[in-house]
C-alpha atoms as a PDB file:
ATOM      1  CA  MET A   1      38.190 -40.307  12.969  1.00  0.00           C
ATOM      2  CA  THR A   2      40.086 -41.161  16.171  1.00  0.00           C
ATOM      3  CA  PRO A   3      43.329 -43.055  15.427  1.00  0.00           C
ATOM      4  CA  ARG A   4      43.431 -46.593  16.778  1.00  0.00           C
ATOM      5  CA  THR A   5      46.043 -47.568  19.342  1.00  0.00           C
ATOM      6  CA  ALA A   6      47.973 -50.789  19.786  1.00  0.00           C
ATOM      7  CA  ASP A   7      47.641 -53.102  22.750  1.00  0.00           C
ATOM      8  CA  HIS A   8      51.233 -52.434  23.819  1.00  0.00           C
ATOM      9  CA  GLN A   9      51.115 -55.120  26.490  1.00  0.00           C
ATOM     10  CA  ASP A  10      50.848 -57.774  23.785  1.00  0.00           C
ATOM     11  CA  LEU A  11      52.429 -55.980  20.810  1.00  0.00           C
ATOM     12  CA  LYS A  12      55.892 -57.525  21.175  1.00  0.00           C
ATOM     13  CA  THR A  13      54.448 -60.994  21.659  1.00  0.00           C
ATOM     14  CA  ASP A  14      52.132 -60.526  18.694  1.00  0.00           C
ATOM     15  CA  LEU A  15      55.044 -59.369  16.536  1.00  0.00           C
ATOM     16  CA  ASN A  16      57.001 -62.461  17.508  1.00  0.00           C
ATOM     17  CA  ARG A  17      54.083 -64.750  16.672  1.00  0.00           C
ATOM     18  CA  LEU A  18      53.353 -63.083  13.340  1.00  0.00           C
ATOM     19  CA  THR A  19      57.031 -63.046  12.387  1.00  0.00           C
ATOM     20  CA  ALA A  20      57.279 -66.765  13.123  1.00  0.00           C
ATOM     21  CA  PHE A  21      54.166 -67.473  11.049  1.00  0.00           C
ATOM     22  CA  LEU A  22      55.490 -65.629   7.990  1.00  0.00           C
ATOM     23  CA  SER A  23      59.019 -66.970   8.392  1.00  0.00           C
ATOM     24  CA  ALA A  24      57.662 -70.516   8.256  1.00  0.00           C
ATOM     25  CA  SER A  25      55.797 -69.826   4.990  1.00  0.00           C
ATOM     26  CA  ASP A  26      57.451 -69.097   1.647  1.00  0.00           C
ATOM     27  CA  ARG A  27      54.203 -68.669  -0.310  1.00  0.00           C
ATOM     28  CA  VAL A  28      51.474 -66.681   1.468  1.00  0.00           C
ATOM     29  CA  VAL A  29      48.068 -65.710   0.114  1.00  0.00           C
ATOM     30  CA  CYS A  30      46.830 -62.510   1.777  1.00  0.00           C
ATOM     31  CA  LEU A  31      43.199 -61.360   1.930  1.00  0.00           C
ATOM     32  CA  THR A  32      42.482 -57.798   3.103  1.00  0.00           C
ATOM     33  CA  GLY A  33      39.230 -56.248   4.284  1.00  0.00           C
ATOM     34  CA  ALA A  34      37.772 -52.928   5.396  1.00  0.00           C
ATOM     35  CA  GLY A  35      39.892 -52.764   8.555  1.00  0.00           C
ATOM     36  CA  CYS A  36      42.936 -52.273   6.366  1.00  0.00           C
ATOM     37  CA  SER A  37      41.512 -48.962   5.074  1.00  0.00           C
ATOM     38  CA  LEU A  38      40.011 -47.645   8.314  1.00  0.00           C
ATOM     39  CA  ALA A  39      43.073 -45.502   9.078  1.00  0.00           C
ATOM     40  CA  SER A  40      42.635 -43.869   5.654  1.00  0.00           C
ATOM     41  CA  GLY A  41      39.351 -42.395   6.897  1.00  0.00           C
ATOM     42  CA  ILE A  42      37.024 -44.915   5.257  1.00  0.00           C
ATOM     43  CA  PRO A  43      34.452 -46.298   7.744  1.00  0.00           C
ATOM     44  CA  THR A  44      33.825 -50.029   8.138  1.00  0.00           C
ATOM     45  CA  TYR A  45      30.472 -51.813   8.004  1.00  0.00           C
ATOM     46  CA  ARG A  46      30.867 -53.732  11.243  1.00  0.00           C
ATOM     47  CA  ARG A  47      31.702 -53.177  14.885  1.00  0.00           C
ATOM     48  CA  GLU A  48      34.526 -55.118  16.523  1.00  0.00           C
ATOM     49  CA  ASN A  49      32.064 -57.816  17.652  1.00  0.00           C
ATOM     50  CA  GLY A  50      30.999 -58.391  14.033  1.00  0.00           C
ATOM     51  CA  ASP A  51      27.593 -56.713  14.375  1.00  0.00           C
ATOM     52  CA  TRP A  52      26.353 -54.425  11.638  1.00  0.00           C
ATOM     53  CA  GLN A  53      26.544 -50.677  12.226  1.00  0.00           C
ATOM     54  CA  GLY A  54      24.356 -48.182  10.416  1.00  0.00           C
ATOM     55  CA  ARG A  55      21.841 -48.710   7.629  1.00  0.00           C
ATOM     56  CA  ASN A  56      21.841 -51.970   5.681  1.00  0.00           C
ATOM     57  CA  PRO A  57      23.531 -51.550   2.292  1.00  0.00           C
ATOM     58  CA  ILE A  58      21.804 -51.784  -1.071  1.00  0.00           C
ATOM     59  CA  THR A  59      21.497 -55.297  -2.468  1.00  0.00           C
ATOM     60  CA  HIS A  60      22.236 -56.385  -6.022  1.00  0.00           C
ATOM     61  CA  GLN A  61      18.638 -57.353  -6.778  1.00  0.00           C
ATOM     62  CA  ASP A  62      17.165 -54.154  -5.340  1.00  0.00           C
ATOM     63  CA  PHE A  63      19.509 -52.083  -7.514  1.00  0.00           C
ATOM     64  CA  LEU A  64      18.378 -53.958 -10.626  1.00  0.00           C
ATOM     65  CA  ASP A  65      14.675 -53.965  -9.765  1.00  0.00           C
ATOM     66  CA  THR A  66      13.724 -50.409  -8.820  1.00  0.00           C
ATOM     67  CA  PHE A  67      14.474 -46.871  -9.942  1.00  0.00           C
ATOM     68  CA  GLU A  68      14.059 -45.699  -6.337  1.00  0.00           C
ATOM     69  CA  THR A  69      16.913 -47.941  -5.191  1.00  0.00           C
ATOM     70  CA  ARG A  70      19.182 -46.722  -7.971  1.00  0.00           C
ATOM     71  CA  GLN A  71      18.230 -43.125  -7.155  1.00  0.00           C
ATOM     72  CA  ARG A  72      19.054 -43.709  -3.496  1.00  0.00           C
ATOM     73  CA  TYR A  73      22.370 -45.340  -4.373  1.00  0.00           C
ATOM     74  CA  TRP A  74      23.579 -42.592  -6.720  1.00  0.00           C
ATOM     75  CA  ALA A  75      22.474 -39.764  -4.423  1.00  0.00           C
ATOM     76  CA  ARG A  76      24.381 -41.263  -1.516  1.00  0.00           C
ATOM     77  CA  SER A  77      27.331 -42.221  -3.705  1.00  0.00           C
ATOM     78  CA  PHE A  78      27.506 -38.677  -5.061  1.00  0.00           C
ATOM     79  CA  MET A  79      27.932 -37.421  -1.500  1.00  0.00           C
ATOM     80  CA  GLY A  80      30.383 -40.123  -0.446  1.00  0.00           C
ATOM     81  CA  TRP A  81      32.603 -40.144  -3.530  1.00  0.00           C
ATOM     82  CA  PRO A  82      34.717 -37.077  -2.620  1.00  0.00           C
ATOM     83  CA  LEU A  83      35.971 -38.845   0.518  1.00  0.00           C
ATOM     84  CA  MET A  84      36.644 -42.083  -1.350  1.00  0.00           C
ATOM     85  CA  SER A  85      38.417 -40.360  -4.217  1.00  0.00           C
ATOM     86  CA  THR A  86      40.683 -38.340  -1.923  1.00  0.00           C
ATOM     87  CA  ALA A  87      41.489 -41.151   0.542  1.00  0.00           C
ATOM     88  CA  ARG A  88      45.151 -42.057   0.586  1.00  0.00           C
ATOM     89  CA  PRO A  89      47.023 -45.244   1.557  1.00  0.00           C
ATOM     90  CA  ASN A  90      47.871 -45.588   5.236  1.00  0.00           C
ATOM     91  CA  PRO A  91      50.876 -47.362   6.815  1.00  0.00           C
ATOM     92  CA  ALA A  92      49.125 -50.743   6.468  1.00  0.00           C
ATOM     93  CA  HIS A  93      48.834 -50.414   2.680  1.00  0.00           C
ATOM     94  CA  ARG A  94      52.408 -49.217   2.346  1.00  0.00           C
ATOM     95  CA  ALA A  95      53.757 -52.022   4.531  1.00  0.00           C
ATOM     96  CA  LEU A  96      51.852 -54.647   2.543  1.00  0.00           C
ATOM     97  CA  LYS A  97      53.308 -53.275  -0.679  1.00  0.00           C
ATOM     98  CA  GLU A  98      56.803 -53.750   0.731  1.00  0.00           C
ATOM     99  CA  LEU A  99      55.989 -57.221   2.083  1.00  0.00           C
ATOM    100  CA  VAL A 100      54.972 -58.223  -1.442  1.00  0.00           C
ATOM    101  CA  ALA A 101      58.246 -56.773  -2.757  1.00  0.00           C
ATOM    102  CA  LEU A 102      60.168 -58.787  -0.144  1.00  0.00           C
ATOM    103  CA  GLY A 103      58.489 -61.956  -1.345  1.00  0.00           C
ATOM    104  CA  LYS A 104      56.635 -62.502   1.936  1.00  0.00           C
ATOM    105  CA  ILE A 105      53.247 -62.305   0.173  1.00  0.00           C
ATOM    106  CA  GLU A 106      52.749 -64.137  -3.121  1.00  0.00           C
ATOM    107  CA  THR A 107      49.112 -63.255  -3.870  1.00  0.00           C
ATOM    108  CA  LEU A 108      47.154 -60.288  -2.498  1.00  0.00           C
ATOM    109  CA  ILE A 109      43.362 -60.308  -2.685  1.00  0.00           C
ATOM    110  CA  THR A 110      41.169 -57.519  -1.361  1.00  0.00           C
ATOM    111  CA  GLN A 111      37.509 -57.259  -0.448  1.00  0.00           C
ATOM    112  CA  ASN A 112      37.892 -53.474  -0.574  1.00  0.00           C
ATOM    113  CA  VAL A 113      36.737 -51.370  -3.523  1.00  0.00           C
ATOM    114  CA  ASP A 114      38.825 -48.270  -2.716  1.00  0.00           C
ATOM    115  CA  SER A 115      41.932 -49.001  -4.869  1.00  0.00           C
ATOM    116  CA  LEU A 116      44.242 -47.965  -2.003  1.00  0.00           C
ATOM    117  CA  HIS A 117      46.500 -50.974  -2.531  1.00  0.00           C
ATOM    118  CA  GLU A 118      47.179 -49.749  -6.063  1.00  0.00           C
ATOM    119  CA  GLN A 119      47.748 -46.222  -4.820  1.00  0.00           C
ATOM    120  CA  ALA A 120      50.352 -47.643  -2.439  1.00  0.00           C
ATOM    121  CA  GLY A 121      52.203 -49.068  -5.426  1.00  0.00           C
ATOM    122  CA  LEU A 122      50.901 -52.612  -5.873  1.00  0.00           C
ATOM    123  CA  THR A 123      50.214 -53.607  -9.462  1.00  0.00           C
ATOM    124  CA  ALA A 124      48.890 -57.153  -9.032  1.00  0.00           C
ATOM    125  CA  VAL A 125      45.797 -57.028  -6.801  1.00  0.00           C
ATOM    126  CA  GLU A 126      42.843 -59.405  -7.101  1.00  0.00           C
ATOM    127  CA  HIS A 127      39.624 -57.443  -6.491  1.00  0.00           C
ATOM    128  CA  LEU A 128      37.067 -59.802  -4.981  1.00  0.00           C
ATOM    129  CA  HIS A 129      34.278 -57.209  -4.893  1.00  0.00           C
ATOM    130  CA  GLY A 130      35.259 -54.913  -7.762  1.00  0.00           C
ATOM    131  CA  ASP A 131      36.557 -51.354  -7.960  1.00  0.00           C
ATOM    132  CA  LEU A 132      34.613 -48.122  -7.391  1.00  0.00           C
ATOM    133  CA  ARG A 133      36.780 -46.205  -9.862  1.00  0.00           C
ATOM    134  CA  GLU A 134      34.696 -47.455 -12.784  1.00  0.00           C
ATOM    135  CA  VAL A 135      30.999 -47.621 -13.693  1.00  0.00           C
ATOM    136  CA  THR A 136      29.521 -49.954 -16.304  1.00  0.00           C
ATOM    137  CA  CYS A 137      26.386 -49.835 -18.456  1.00  0.00           C
ATOM    138  CA  LEU A 138      24.114 -52.804 -17.798  1.00  0.00           C
ATOM    139  CA  VAL A 139      22.750 -52.590 -21.361  1.00  0.00           C
ATOM    140  CA  CYS A 140      25.718 -52.156 -23.713  1.00  0.00           C
ATOM    141  CA  GLY A 141      28.635 -52.858 -21.363  1.00  0.00           C
ATOM    142  CA  ALA A 142      30.358 -49.506 -21.928  1.00  0.00           C
ATOM    143  CA  SER A 143      32.480 -48.240 -19.042  1.00  0.00           C
ATOM    144  CA  GLU A 144      33.084 -44.746 -17.687  1.00  0.00           C
ATOM    145  CA  PRO A 145      35.476 -43.428 -15.023  1.00  0.00           C
ATOM    146  CA  ARG A 146      33.701 -42.683 -11.744  1.00  0.00           C
ATOM    147  CA  THR A 147      35.399 -39.268 -11.642  1.00  0.00           C
ATOM    148  CA  GLN A 148      33.772 -38.339 -14.959  1.00  0.00           C
ATOM    149  CA  LEU A 149      30.368 -39.529 -13.768  1.00  0.00           C
ATOM    150  CA  GLN A 150      30.729 -37.357 -10.652  1.00  0.00           C
ATOM    151  CA  VAL A 151      31.011 -34.279 -12.879  1.00  0.00           C
ATOM    152  CA  ARG A 152      27.881 -35.280 -14.800  1.00  0.00           C
ATOM    153  CA  LEU A 153      25.921 -35.899 -11.594  1.00  0.00           C
ATOM    154  CA  ALA A 154      26.968 -32.504 -10.241  1.00  0.00           C
ATOM    155  CA  LYS A 155      25.648 -30.760 -13.368  1.00  0.00           C
ATOM    156  CA  LEU A 156      22.345 -32.631 -13.112  1.00  0.00           C
ATOM    157  CA  ASN A 157      21.807 -31.737  -9.446  1.00  0.00           C
ATOM    158  CA  THR A 158      22.731 -28.084  -9.039  1.00  0.00           C
ATOM    159  CA  HIS A 159      19.226 -27.573  -7.596  1.00  0.00           C
ATOM    160  CA  LEU A 160      20.018 -29.621  -4.475  1.00  0.00           C
ATOM    161  CA  ASP A 161      21.802 -28.652  -1.264  1.00  0.00           C
ATOM    162  CA  LEU A 162      23.485 -31.949  -0.498  1.00  0.00           C
ATOM    163  CA  ASP A 163      25.015 -32.797   2.851  1.00  0.00           C
ATOM    164  CA  GLY A 164      25.293 -36.037   4.789  1.00  0.00           C
ATOM    165  CA  GLU A 165      27.181 -38.372   7.108  1.00  0.00           C
ATOM    166  CA  ILE A 166      29.785 -40.468   5.304  1.00  0.00           C
ATOM    167  CA  GLN A 167      29.277 -44.252   5.336  1.00  0.00           C
ATOM    168  CA  PRO A 168      31.431 -47.204   4.115  1.00  0.00           C
ATOM    169  CA  ASP A 169      32.366 -47.704   0.439  1.00  0.00           C
ATOM    170  CA  GLY A 170      31.659 -44.162  -0.737  1.00  0.00           C
ATOM    171  CA  ASP A 171      28.144 -44.057   0.704  1.00  0.00           C
ATOM    172  CA  ALA A 172      26.513 -41.249   2.723  1.00  0.00           C
ATOM    173  CA  GLU A 173      23.443 -40.813   4.912  1.00  0.00           C
ATOM    174  CA  ILE A 174      21.178 -38.100   3.451  1.00  0.00           C
ATOM    175  CA  PRO A 175      17.466 -37.222   3.927  1.00  0.00           C
ATOM    176  CA  LEU A 176      14.842 -39.126   1.919  1.00  0.00           C
ATOM    177  CA  GLU A 177      13.307 -35.928   0.550  1.00  0.00           C
ATOM    178  CA  VAL A 178      16.659 -35.007  -0.975  1.00  0.00           C
ATOM    179  CA  ILE A 179      17.132 -38.476  -2.457  1.00  0.00           C
ATOM    180  CA  GLN A 180      13.717 -38.269  -4.122  1.00  0.00           C
ATOM    181  CA  GLN A 181      14.780 -35.117  -5.973  1.00  0.00           C
ATOM    182  CA  PHE A 182      18.128 -36.504  -7.119  1.00  0.00           C
ATOM    183  CA  LYS A 183      18.609 -36.903 -10.874  1.00  0.00           C
ATOM    184  CA  ILE A 184      20.644 -39.905 -11.981  1.00  0.00           C
ATOM    185  CA  ALA A 185      22.856 -40.119 -15.059  1.00  0.00           C
ATOM    186  CA  HIS A 186      22.636 -42.720 -17.815  1.00  0.00           C
ATOM    187  CA  CYS A 187      25.062 -44.337 -20.252  1.00  0.00           C
ATOM    188  CA  LEU A 188      26.595 -41.825 -22.660  1.00  0.00           C
ATOM    189  CA  LEU A 189      26.450 -44.344 -25.519  1.00  0.00           C
ATOM    190  CA  CYS A 190      23.027 -45.965 -25.261  1.00  0.00           C
ATOM    191  CA  GLY A 191      21.171 -44.244 -22.407  1.00  0.00           C
ATOM    192  CA  GLY A 192      21.157 -47.467 -20.401  1.00  0.00           C
ATOM    193  CA  THR A 193      21.361 -48.014 -16.650  1.00  0.00           C
ATOM    194  CA  LEU A 194      24.738 -47.434 -15.034  1.00  0.00           C
ATOM    195  CA  LYS A 195      26.070 -49.558 -12.182  1.00  0.00           C
ATOM    196  CA  PRO A 196      29.308 -49.173 -10.222  1.00  0.00           C
ATOM    197  CA  ASN A 197      31.788 -51.900 -11.096  1.00  0.00           C
ATOM    198  CA  VAL A 198      31.406 -53.538  -7.690  1.00  0.00           C
ATOM    199  CA  VAL A 199      29.647 -56.587  -6.293  1.00  0.00           C
ATOM    200  CA  PHE A 200      26.653 -55.447  -4.245  1.00  0.00           C
ATOM    201  CA  PHE A 201      25.471 -57.495  -1.279  1.00  0.00           C
ATOM    202  CA  GLY A 202      23.722 -60.553  -2.682  1.00  0.00           C
ATOM    203  CA  GLY A 203      25.625 -60.230  -5.950  1.00  0.00           C
ATOM    204  CA  LYS A 204      27.813 -62.943  -7.428  1.00  0.00           C
ATOM    205  CA  VAL A 205      31.588 -62.812  -7.337  1.00  0.00           C
ATOM    206  CA  ASP A 206      33.176 -63.803 -10.657  1.00  0.00           C
ATOM    207  CA  PRO A 207      33.399 -67.632 -10.431  1.00  0.00           C
ATOM    208  CA  THR A 208      36.588 -67.647 -12.514  1.00  0.00           C
ATOM    209  CA  LEU A 209      38.226 -65.367  -9.938  1.00  0.00           C
ATOM    210  CA  VAL A 210      37.022 -67.572  -7.074  1.00  0.00           C
ATOM    211  CA  GLN A 211      38.537 -70.652  -8.712  1.00  0.00           C
ATOM    212  CA  SER A 212      41.783 -68.765  -9.315  1.00  0.00           C
ATOM    213  CA  ILE A 213      41.989 -67.854  -5.623  1.00  0.00           C
ATOM    214  CA  TYR A 214      41.200 -71.435  -4.611  1.00  0.00           C
ATOM    215  CA  HIS A 215      44.086 -72.589  -6.802  1.00  0.00           C
ATOM    216  CA  ALA A 216      46.424 -69.980  -5.289  1.00  0.00           C
ATOM    217  CA  ILE A 217      45.541 -71.222  -1.788  1.00  0.00           C
ATOM    218  CA  GLU A 218      46.141 -74.828  -2.811  1.00  0.00           C
ATOM    219  CA  GLN A 219      49.612 -73.902  -4.077  1.00  0.00           C
ATOM    220  CA  ALA A 220      50.415 -71.661  -1.091  1.00  0.00           C
ATOM    221  CA  ASP A 221      51.914 -72.452   2.294  1.00  0.00           C
ATOM    222  CA  ALA A 222      49.480 -70.308   4.304  1.00  0.00           C
ATOM    223  CA  LEU A 223      46.535 -67.892   4.236  1.00  0.00           C
ATOM    224  CA  TRP A 224      46.736 -64.521   6.014  1.00  0.00           C
ATOM    225  CA  VAL A 225      43.572 -62.451   6.531  1.00  0.00           C
ATOM    226  CA  ILE A 226      43.929 -58.772   7.493  1.00  0.00           C
ATOM    227  CA  GLY A 227      41.165 -56.421   8.621  1.00  0.00           C
ATOM    228  CA  SER A 228      38.121 -58.551   7.852  1.00  0.00           C
ATOM    229  CA  SER A 229      35.453 -60.052  10.091  1.00  0.00           C
ATOM    230  CA  LEU A 230      34.815 -62.641   7.345  1.00  0.00           C
ATOM    231  CA  LYS A 231      31.139 -62.449   8.284  1.00  0.00           C
ATOM    232  CA  LEU A 232      30.178 -62.858   4.627  1.00  0.00           C
ATOM    233  CA  PHE A 233      30.739 -66.153   2.858  1.00  0.00           C
ATOM    234  CA  SER A 234      32.492 -64.448  -0.085  1.00  0.00           C
ATOM    235  CA  GLY A 235      35.638 -64.146   2.047  1.00  0.00           C
ATOM    236  CA  TYR A 236      35.080 -66.884   4.630  1.00  0.00           C
ATOM    237  CA  ARG A 237      34.976 -69.613   1.974  1.00  0.00           C
ATOM    238  CA  PHE A 238      38.700 -69.115   1.365  1.00  0.00           C
ATOM    239  CA  CYS A 239      39.420 -69.927   5.000  1.00  0.00           C
ATOM    240  CA  ARG A 240      37.376 -73.094   4.689  1.00  0.00           C
ATOM    241  CA  HIS A 241      39.279 -73.971   1.532  1.00  0.00           C
ATOM    242  CA  ALA A 242      42.591 -73.410   3.295  1.00  0.00           C
ATOM    243  CA  VAL A 243      41.547 -75.754   6.104  1.00  0.00           C
ATOM    244  CA  ALA A 244      40.423 -78.389   3.593  1.00  0.00           C
ATOM    245  CA  PHE A 245      43.903 -78.366   2.046  1.00  0.00           C
ATOM    246  CA  GLY A 246      45.773 -78.278   5.351  1.00  0.00           C
ATOM    247  CA  LYS A 247      46.979 -74.680   5.033  1.00  0.00           C
ATOM    248  CA  PRO A 248      47.497 -72.714   8.276  1.00  0.00           C
ATOM    249  CA  ILE A 249      45.516 -69.488   8.711  1.00  0.00           C
ATOM    250  CA  ALA A 250      46.603 -66.281  10.446  1.00  0.00           C
ATOM    251  CA  LEU A 251      44.078 -63.557  11.294  1.00  0.00           C
ATOM    252  CA  LEU A 252      44.975 -59.926  11.979  1.00  0.00           C
ATOM    253  CA  ASN A 253      41.900 -58.061  13.184  1.00  0.00           C
ATOM    254  CA  PRO A 254      41.079 -55.999  16.303  1.00  0.00           C
ATOM    255  CA  GLY A 255      37.766 -57.789  16.779  1.00  0.00           C
ATOM    256  CA  TRP A 256      35.827 -61.001  16.222  1.00  0.00           C
ATOM    257  CA  THR A 257      36.053 -62.916  12.944  1.00  0.00           C
ATOM    258  CA  ARG A 258      33.989 -65.793  11.639  1.00  0.00           C
ATOM    259  CA  ALA A 259      37.181 -67.810  11.153  1.00  0.00           C
ATOM    260  CA  ASP A 260      38.346 -67.538  14.781  1.00  0.00           C
ATOM    261  CA  PRO A 261      37.508 -71.213  15.546  1.00  0.00           C
ATOM    262  CA  ILE A 262      39.517 -72.540  12.594  1.00  0.00           C
ATOM    263  CA  ALA A 263      42.501 -70.163  12.612  1.00  0.00           C
ATOM    264  CA  ASP A 264      45.972 -71.210  13.714  1.00  0.00           C
ATOM    265  CA  LEU A 265      46.929 -67.678  14.784  1.00  0.00           C
ATOM    266  CA  LYS A 266      44.838 -64.665  15.829  1.00  0.00           C
ATOM    267  CA  ILE A 267      46.456 -61.251  16.314  1.00  0.00           C
ATOM    268  CA  ILE A 268      44.272 -58.541  17.866  1.00  0.00           C
ATOM    269  CA  GLN A 269      46.037 -55.370  16.732  1.00  0.00           C
ATOM    270  CA  PRO A 270      45.308 -52.536  14.260  1.00  0.00           C
ATOM    271  CA  ALA A 271      46.885 -53.290  10.871  1.00  0.00           C
ATOM    272  CA  GLU A 272      48.280 -49.771  10.429  1.00  0.00           C
ATOM    273  CA  ILE A 273      50.289 -50.121  13.665  1.00  0.00           C
ATOM    274  CA  ILE A 274      51.621 -53.663  13.626  1.00  0.00           C
ATOM    275  CA  LEU A 275      52.339 -54.089   9.904  1.00  0.00           C
ATOM    276  CA  PRO A 276      55.029 -51.366   9.666  1.00  0.00           C
ATOM    277  CA  LYS A 277      56.734 -52.871  12.725  1.00  0.00           C
ATOM    278  CA  LEU A 278      56.513 -56.318  11.179  1.00  0.00           C
ATOM    279  CA  LEU A 279      57.998 -54.994   7.935  1.00  0.00           C
ATOM    280  CA  SER A 280      60.900 -53.403   9.811  1.00  0.00           C
ATOM    281  CA  ARG A 281      61.639 -56.640  11.635  1.00  0.00           C
ATOM    282  CA  LEU A 282      61.495 -58.796   8.502  1.00  0.00           C
ATOM    283  CA  THR A 283      63.581 -56.321   6.513  1.00  0.00           C
ATOM    284  CA  ASN A 284      66.293 -56.281   9.175  1.00  0.00           C
ATOM    285  CA  SER A 285      66.334 -60.075   9.405  1.00  0.00           C
ATOM    286  CA  ALA A 286      66.760 -60.326   5.627  1.00  0.00           C
ATOM    287  CA  GLN A 287      69.867 -58.121   5.640  1.00  0.00           C
END
């Protein structure tokens, strides 16, 4: 993956604007999206203009309804998991961890399912869409580490020569004839259907979590969105909530976002480049 570059013509100005935004806010709620993990080698779903790239992802209802959909998901996940499991935090994750430690960010929420914020050292992360590190039985509720399931899937599919192009969220593009031969694993306790502990497209985010985030925004001074197009309502609703309660919004994203018309500040820079510089500036000013 080709590293992104900063728009150096505007970088200093953007740093000044972002520094001023954070300096004016003591309590900031931060929402991160796929763009935050791009520099870790994990692809994003959308182009910079917000359009979809690649195959449409599996939906929640399709996964529940048909064996073929579950077979497709687990075959592609089996191929994509090695990249997800070996991905490491990039400078954006590490800078955000330090910004939390400095007290510049009060609440950090992520749409990502890659656990890279935790790997960077954060312990309090709200996962809007779940976490790929765990799978859950839809029948008995038992859970299993995704790493353990990978071993079981490998033993079940020694007959296949698997290869494919890596896609977002631990997915991979592989031929249909290979998918149709893939053997899926079941719950070790009851033999039930296993599902990754993530919210598929069309699935429902935990309403208790949504209300908790709404409350955090109401108590905060500002909302800061990093690396998300906010095309889906699951993230965009928090921007609407911020506006309803008079909270300013800052966006950090190289491309279009759904919240552009309602944001108070838009910074068009890669997170992994500008965030370390922002951290350095804020750290120096605090000394």
